[in-house]
């Protein structure tokens, strides 16, 4: 799962959890000789949507909390404000941050080189 977005990761985790819940619930209801299909599917859907919401918003919050200090360090606060819950859906946030840090590092290296050249004069 290389370069997954928070939405893809949330869906993946939710599907696994829902499948495990349906399998476990079906096994229990199967041994009770009851009609297990409808309750198991309802339970699976309920678990899927609940788990998706919890994982998606928790993961986005975690990522936002980790990205803002990086942008504060490289003094580009306006870019940090760009990452909010609403506009992170299908973006590769880690790659965006990596690119921004690389640009910042190149810019700082160029500035240092220029200052060293000026220092020689």
N, C-alpha and C. Protein backbone atom coordinates (compact mmCIF):
# COMPACT_ATOMS: atom_id res chain seq x y z
N UNK A 1 0.84 -1.18 0.00
CA UNK A 1 0.00 0.00 0.00
C UNK A 1 0.89 1.25 0.00
N UNK A 2 1.71 1.35 -1.00
CA UNK A 2 2.60 2.49 -1.09
C UNK A 2 1.85 3.70 -1.63
N UNK A 3 2.11 4.86 -1.03
CA UNK A 3 1.50 6.12 -1.45
C UNK A 3 -0.02 6.09 -1.44
N UNK A 4 -0.58 5.60 -0.38
CA UNK A 4 -2.03 5.60 -0.27
C UNK A 4 -2.49 6.91 0.35
N UNK A 5 -3.69 7.30 -0.01
CA UNK A 5 -4.28 8.50 0.57
C UNK A 5 -5.01 8.11 1.85
N UNK A 6 -5.32 9.08 2.70
CA UNK A 6 -6.06 8.76 3.92
C UNK A 6 -7.41 8.09 3.61
N UNK A 7 -8.07 8.52 2.55
CA UNK A 7 -9.35 7.92 2.19
C UNK A 7 -9.18 6.44 1.81
N UNK A 8 -8.16 6.11 1.02
CA UNK A 8 -7.93 4.73 0.62
C UNK A 8 -7.60 3.86 1.83
N UNK A 9 -6.76 4.37 2.71
CA UNK A 9 -6.40 3.62 3.90
C UNK A 9 -7.61 3.41 4.80
N UNK A 10 -8.45 4.41 4.94
CA UNK A 10 -9.65 4.29 5.76
C UNK A 10 -10.60 3.25 5.19
N UNK A 11 -10.78 3.25 3.88
CA UNK A 11 -11.67 2.27 3.25
C UNK A 11 -11.10 0.86 3.43
N UNK A 12 -9.81 0.70 3.24
CA UNK A 12 -9.17 -0.61 3.39
C UNK A 12 -9.36 -1.15 4.80
N UNK A 13 -9.07 -0.34 5.81
CA UNK A 13 -9.22 -0.77 7.20
C UNK A 13 -10.68 -1.07 7.50
N UNK A 14 -11.60 -0.26 7.00
CA UNK A 14 -13.02 -0.45 7.26
C UNK A 14 -13.55 -1.73 6.61
N UNK A 15 -13.08 -2.04 5.42
CA UNK A 15 -13.51 -3.28 4.75
C UNK A 15 -13.04 -4.49 5.54
N UNK A 16 -11.80 -4.48 5.98
CA UNK A 16 -11.28 -5.61 6.76
C UNK A 16 -12.06 -5.78 8.05
N UNK A 17 -12.32 -4.68 8.74
CA UNK A 17 -13.06 -4.74 10.00
C UNK A 17 -14.49 -5.22 9.78
N UNK A 18 -15.15 -4.69 8.74
CA UNK A 18 -16.52 -5.10 8.45
C UNK A 18 -16.58 -6.58 8.07
N UNK A 19 -15.64 -7.03 7.26
CA UNK A 19 -15.61 -8.44 6.86
C UNK A 19 -15.44 -9.34 8.08
N UNK A 20 -14.52 -8.97 8.96
CA UNK A 20 -14.30 -9.77 10.17
C UNK A 20 -15.54 -9.78 11.05
N UNK A 21 -16.22 -8.65 11.15
CA UNK A 21 -17.44 -8.57 11.95
C UNK A 21 -18.55 -9.42 11.36
N UNK A 22 -18.73 -9.34 10.04
CA UNK A 22 -19.76 -10.14 9.38
C UNK A 22 -19.45 -11.63 9.51
N UNK A 23 -18.19 -12.00 9.34
CA UNK A 23 -17.81 -13.41 9.45
C UNK A 23 -18.06 -13.92 10.87
N UNK A 24 -17.65 -13.13 11.85
CA UNK A 24 -17.88 -13.54 13.24
C UNK A 24 -19.35 -13.57 13.60
N UNK A 25 -20.07 -12.54 13.19
CA UNK A 25 -21.52 -12.50 13.47
C UNK A 25 -22.27 -13.61 12.76
N UNK A 26 -21.87 -13.91 11.53
CA UNK A 26 -22.52 -14.99 10.77
C UNK A 26 -22.25 -16.34 11.42
N UNK A 27 -21.04 -16.53 11.89
CA UNK A 27 -20.70 -17.79 12.54
C UNK A 27 -21.54 -17.99 13.80
N UNK A 28 -21.70 -16.94 14.57
CA UNK A 28 -22.50 -17.04 15.79
C UNK A 28 -23.96 -17.30 15.46
N UNK A 29 -24.51 -16.55 14.51
CA UNK A 29 -25.91 -16.71 14.16
C UNK A 29 -26.18 -18.02 13.43
N UNK A 30 -25.22 -18.54 12.71
CA UNK A 30 -25.36 -19.80 11.99
C UNK A 30 -25.53 -20.95 12.98
N UNK A 31 -24.79 -20.90 14.06
CA UNK A 31 -24.89 -21.96 15.07
C UNK A 31 -26.19 -21.88 15.86
N UNK A 32 -26.87 -20.75 15.83
CA UNK A 32 -28.15 -20.59 16.52
C UNK A 32 -29.33 -20.96 15.65
N UNK A 33 -29.09 -21.40 14.42
CA UNK A 33 -30.14 -21.78 13.47
C UNK A 33 -31.17 -20.68 13.24
N UNK A 34 -30.70 -19.46 13.11
CA UNK A 34 -31.60 -18.35 12.80
C UNK A 34 -31.27 -17.84 11.40
N UNK A 35 -32.13 -16.99 10.89
CA UNK A 35 -31.87 -16.37 9.60
C UNK A 35 -30.81 -15.30 9.83
N UNK A 36 -29.61 -15.56 9.36
CA UNK A 36 -28.47 -14.73 9.72
C UNK A 36 -28.06 -13.75 8.64
N UNK A 37 -28.58 -13.84 7.45
CA UNK A 37 -28.08 -13.01 6.37
C UNK A 37 -28.36 -11.52 6.58
N UNK A 38 -29.60 -11.16 6.86
CA UNK A 38 -29.96 -9.75 7.00
C UNK A 38 -29.30 -9.10 8.21
N UNK A 39 -29.35 -9.71 9.38
CA UNK A 39 -28.66 -9.07 10.51
C UNK A 39 -27.14 -8.95 10.31
N UNK A 40 -26.54 -9.95 9.69
CA UNK A 40 -25.10 -9.91 9.47
C UNK A 40 -24.73 -8.80 8.48
N UNK A 41 -25.49 -8.65 7.42
CA UNK A 41 -25.20 -7.60 6.44
C UNK A 41 -25.44 -6.21 7.05
N UNK A 42 -26.49 -6.07 7.82
CA UNK A 42 -26.75 -4.79 8.48
C UNK A 42 -25.62 -4.45 9.44
N UNK A 43 -25.20 -5.44 10.21
CA UNK A 43 -24.10 -5.23 11.15
C UNK A 43 -22.82 -4.88 10.40
N UNK A 44 -22.55 -5.55 9.29
CA UNK A 44 -21.37 -5.27 8.50
C UNK A 44 -21.36 -3.85 7.96
N UNK A 45 -22.50 -3.41 7.43
CA UNK A 45 -22.59 -2.04 6.90
C UNK A 45 -22.45 -1.01 8.01
N UNK A 46 -23.06 -1.28 9.13
CA UNK A 46 -22.96 -0.36 10.27
C UNK A 46 -21.52 -0.25 10.74
N UNK A 47 -20.85 -1.37 10.87
CA UNK A 47 -19.45 -1.37 11.30
C UNK A 47 -18.59 -0.67 10.26
N UNK A 48 -18.83 -0.93 8.96
CA UNK A 48 -18.03 -0.31 7.91
C UNK A 48 -18.11 1.21 7.97
N UNK A 49 -19.33 1.76 7.98
CA UNK A 49 -19.48 3.21 7.95
C UNK A 49 -18.97 3.87 9.23
N UNK A 50 -19.24 3.24 10.37
CA UNK A 50 -18.76 3.80 11.63
C UNK A 50 -17.23 3.79 11.67
N UNK A 51 -16.66 2.67 11.29
CA UNK A 51 -15.21 2.54 11.30
C UNK A 51 -14.57 3.49 10.29
N UNK A 52 -15.18 3.64 9.11
CA UNK A 52 -14.64 4.54 8.09
C UNK A 52 -14.57 5.97 8.62
N UNK A 53 -15.65 6.43 9.22
CA UNK A 53 -15.67 7.81 9.73
C UNK A 53 -14.62 8.02 10.82
N UNK A 54 -14.54 7.08 11.74
CA UNK A 54 -13.58 7.22 12.84
C UNK A 54 -12.15 7.19 12.33
N UNK A 55 -11.83 6.23 11.47
CA UNK A 55 -10.46 6.10 10.96
C UNK A 55 -10.10 7.29 10.08
N UNK A 56 -11.00 7.69 9.19
CA UNK A 56 -10.70 8.77 8.25
C UNK A 56 -10.42 10.08 8.98
N UNK A 57 -11.29 10.46 9.90
CA UNK A 57 -11.09 11.73 10.59
C UNK A 57 -9.94 11.68 11.60
N UNK A 58 -9.72 10.54 12.22
CA UNK A 58 -8.58 10.40 13.12
C UNK A 58 -7.27 10.47 12.35
N UNK A 59 -7.22 9.79 11.23
CA UNK A 59 -6.01 9.80 10.40
C UNK A 59 -5.72 11.19 9.84
N UNK A 60 -6.75 11.87 9.36
CA UNK A 60 -6.55 13.23 8.86
C UNK A 60 -6.08 14.17 9.96
N UNK A 61 -6.67 14.05 11.13
CA UNK A 61 -6.24 14.88 12.25
C UNK A 61 -4.80 14.62 12.63
N UNK A 62 -4.42 13.35 12.63
CA UNK A 62 -3.04 12.99 12.94
C UNK A 62 -2.08 13.58 11.91
N UNK A 63 -2.42 13.46 10.64
CA UNK A 63 -1.56 13.98 9.58
C UNK A 63 -1.44 15.49 9.67
N UNK A 64 -2.55 16.17 9.89
CA UNK A 64 -2.53 17.63 9.99
C UNK A 64 -1.64 18.07 11.16
N UNK A 65 -1.77 17.37 12.31
CA UNK A 65 -0.94 17.73 13.46
C UNK A 65 0.54 17.50 13.18
N UNK A 66 0.87 16.55 12.33
CA UNK A 66 2.28 16.27 12.00
C UNK A 66 2.83 17.19 10.92
N UNK A 67 1.96 17.68 10.03
CA UNK A 67 2.42 18.52 8.92
C UNK A 67 2.63 19.96 9.34
N UNK A 68 1.77 20.50 10.18
CA UNK A 68 1.88 21.91 10.56
C UNK A 68 3.23 22.27 11.16
N UNK A 69 3.80 21.46 12.06
CA UNK A 69 5.14 21.82 12.57
C UNK A 69 6.22 21.84 11.49
N UNK A 70 6.08 20.99 10.49
CA UNK A 70 7.06 20.99 9.40
C UNK A 70 7.00 22.32 8.67
N UNK A 71 5.80 22.78 8.36
CA UNK A 71 5.68 24.05 7.66
C UNK A 71 6.07 25.24 8.53
N UNK A 72 5.85 25.12 9.83
CA UNK A 72 6.31 26.20 10.71
C UNK A 72 7.83 26.26 10.72
N UNK A 73 8.45 25.09 10.63
CA UNK A 73 9.91 25.03 10.61
C UNK A 73 10.46 25.67 9.34
N UNK A 74 9.82 25.42 8.23
CA UNK A 74 10.33 25.99 6.99
C UNK A 74 9.69 27.35 6.69
N UNK A 75 8.99 27.88 7.65
CA UNK A 75 8.44 29.24 7.60
C UNK A 75 7.54 29.48 6.40
N UNK A 76 6.66 28.56 6.17
CA UNK A 76 5.70 28.71 5.08
C UNK A 76 4.31 28.43 5.64
N UNK A 77 3.89 29.28 6.55
CA UNK A 77 2.65 29.07 7.28
C UNK A 77 1.44 29.06 6.34
N UNK A 78 1.47 29.85 5.30
CA UNK A 78 0.32 29.90 4.40
C UNK A 78 0.05 28.54 3.78
N UNK A 79 1.08 27.79 3.49
CA UNK A 79 0.92 26.45 2.91
C UNK A 79 0.36 25.49 3.95
N UNK A 80 0.72 25.66 5.22
CA UNK A 80 0.22 24.79 6.28
C UNK A 80 -1.29 24.95 6.44
N UNK A 81 -1.79 26.14 6.24
CA UNK A 81 -3.23 26.37 6.36
C UNK A 81 -4.00 25.68 5.24
N UNK A 82 -3.33 25.32 4.17
CA UNK A 82 -3.97 24.66 3.04
C UNK A 82 -4.44 23.26 3.40
N UNK A 83 -3.80 22.64 4.39
CA UNK A 83 -4.15 21.29 4.78
C UNK A 83 -5.19 21.33 5.89
N UNK A 84 -6.43 21.19 5.50
CA UNK A 84 -7.53 21.09 6.44
C UNK A 84 -8.29 19.82 6.14
N UNK A 85 -9.21 19.47 6.98
CA UNK A 85 -9.96 18.23 6.82
C UNK A 85 -10.69 18.16 5.48
N UNK A 86 -11.19 19.27 5.00
CA UNK A 86 -12.02 19.25 3.80
C UNK A 86 -11.28 19.03 2.51
N UNK A 87 -10.03 19.44 2.40
CA UNK A 87 -9.37 19.35 1.11
C UNK A 87 -8.23 18.34 1.07
N UNK A 88 -8.23 17.37 1.96
CA UNK A 88 -7.18 16.36 1.98
C UNK A 88 -7.64 15.03 1.39
N UNK A 89 -8.82 14.96 0.88
CA UNK A 89 -9.45 13.70 0.52
C UNK A 89 -8.56 12.77 -0.30
N UNK A 90 -8.23 13.12 -1.51
CA UNK A 90 -7.52 12.19 -2.38
C UNK A 90 -6.13 12.69 -2.77
N UNK A 91 -5.53 13.48 -1.93
CA UNK A 91 -4.19 14.00 -2.21
C UNK A 91 -3.15 13.12 -1.54
N UNK A 92 -1.99 13.06 -2.15
CA UNK A 92 -0.86 12.39 -1.54
C UNK A 92 -0.12 13.43 -0.71
N UNK A 93 -0.56 13.59 0.50
CA UNK A 93 -0.11 14.66 1.37
C UNK A 93 1.37 14.52 1.71
N UNK A 94 1.80 13.31 1.94
CA UNK A 94 3.19 13.09 2.30
C UNK A 94 4.11 13.50 1.15
N UNK A 95 3.72 13.17 -0.07
CA UNK A 95 4.52 13.56 -1.24
C UNK A 95 4.54 15.07 -1.40
N UNK A 96 3.39 15.73 -1.16
CA UNK A 96 3.34 17.20 -1.24
C UNK A 96 4.31 17.83 -0.24
N UNK A 97 4.30 17.32 0.99
CA UNK A 97 5.18 17.86 2.02
C UNK A 97 6.64 17.59 1.66
N UNK A 98 6.91 16.40 1.17
CA UNK A 98 8.29 16.07 0.77
C UNK A 98 8.78 17.03 -0.30
N UNK A 99 7.93 17.29 -1.30
CA UNK A 99 8.32 18.22 -2.37
C UNK A 99 8.56 19.62 -1.83
N UNK A 100 7.70 20.08 -0.94
CA UNK A 100 7.86 21.41 -0.37
C UNK A 100 9.14 21.51 0.46
N UNK A 101 9.45 20.48 1.22
CA UNK A 101 10.68 20.49 2.02
C UNK A 101 11.90 20.48 1.12
N UNK A 102 11.85 19.70 0.03
CA UNK A 102 12.98 19.66 -0.91
C UNK A 102 13.19 21.03 -1.57
N UNK A 103 12.10 21.68 -1.95
CA UNK A 103 12.20 23.03 -2.53
C UNK A 103 12.79 24.01 -1.53
N UNK A 104 12.33 23.92 -0.29
CA UNK A 104 12.84 24.79 0.76
C UNK A 104 14.33 24.56 0.97
N UNK A 105 14.74 23.27 0.99
CA UNK A 105 16.15 22.95 1.20
C UNK A 105 17.01 23.48 0.05
N UNK A 106 16.53 23.35 -1.18
CA UNK A 106 17.28 23.87 -2.33
C UNK A 106 17.41 25.39 -2.25
N UNK A 107 16.31 26.04 -1.85
CA UNK A 107 16.32 27.50 -1.74
C UNK A 107 17.31 27.94 -0.66
N UNK A 108 17.31 27.27 0.46
CA UNK A 108 18.23 27.64 1.54
C UNK A 108 19.66 27.36 1.15
N UNK A 109 19.90 26.26 0.43
CA UNK A 109 21.26 25.96 -0.03
C UNK A 109 21.75 27.02 -0.99
N UNK A 110 20.87 27.47 -1.89
CA UNK A 110 21.23 28.54 -2.82
C UNK A 110 21.54 29.82 -2.07
N UNK A 111 20.73 30.16 -1.06
CA UNK A 111 20.97 31.36 -0.27
C UNK A 111 22.31 31.29 0.44
N UNK A 112 22.63 30.14 1.00
CA UNK A 112 23.91 29.98 1.69
C UNK A 112 25.06 30.13 0.71
N UNK A 113 24.92 29.55 -0.47
CA UNK A 113 25.97 29.69 -1.49
C UNK A 113 26.17 31.15 -1.89
N UNK A 114 25.07 31.86 -2.06
CA UNK A 114 25.16 33.28 -2.42
C UNK A 114 25.81 34.08 -1.30
N UNK A 115 25.46 33.79 -0.07
CA UNK A 115 26.07 34.50 1.06
C UNK A 115 27.57 34.20 1.15
N UNK A 116 27.96 32.99 0.87
CA UNK A 116 29.39 32.66 0.89
C UNK A 116 30.13 33.39 -0.23
N UNK A 117 29.50 33.51 -1.38
CA UNK A 117 30.11 34.25 -2.49
C UNK A 117 30.26 35.72 -2.12
N UNK A 118 29.23 36.29 -1.50
CA UNK A 118 29.30 37.70 -1.08
C UNK A 118 30.35 37.89 0.01
N UNK A 119 30.54 36.89 0.83
CA UNK A 119 31.49 36.98 1.93
C UNK A 119 32.93 37.04 1.38
N UNK A 120 33.16 36.42 0.26
CA UNK A 120 34.50 36.43 -0.34
C UNK A 120 34.89 37.82 -0.82
N UNK A 121 33.93 38.64 -1.18
CA UNK A 121 34.26 39.98 -1.70
C UNK A 121 34.59 40.91 -0.61
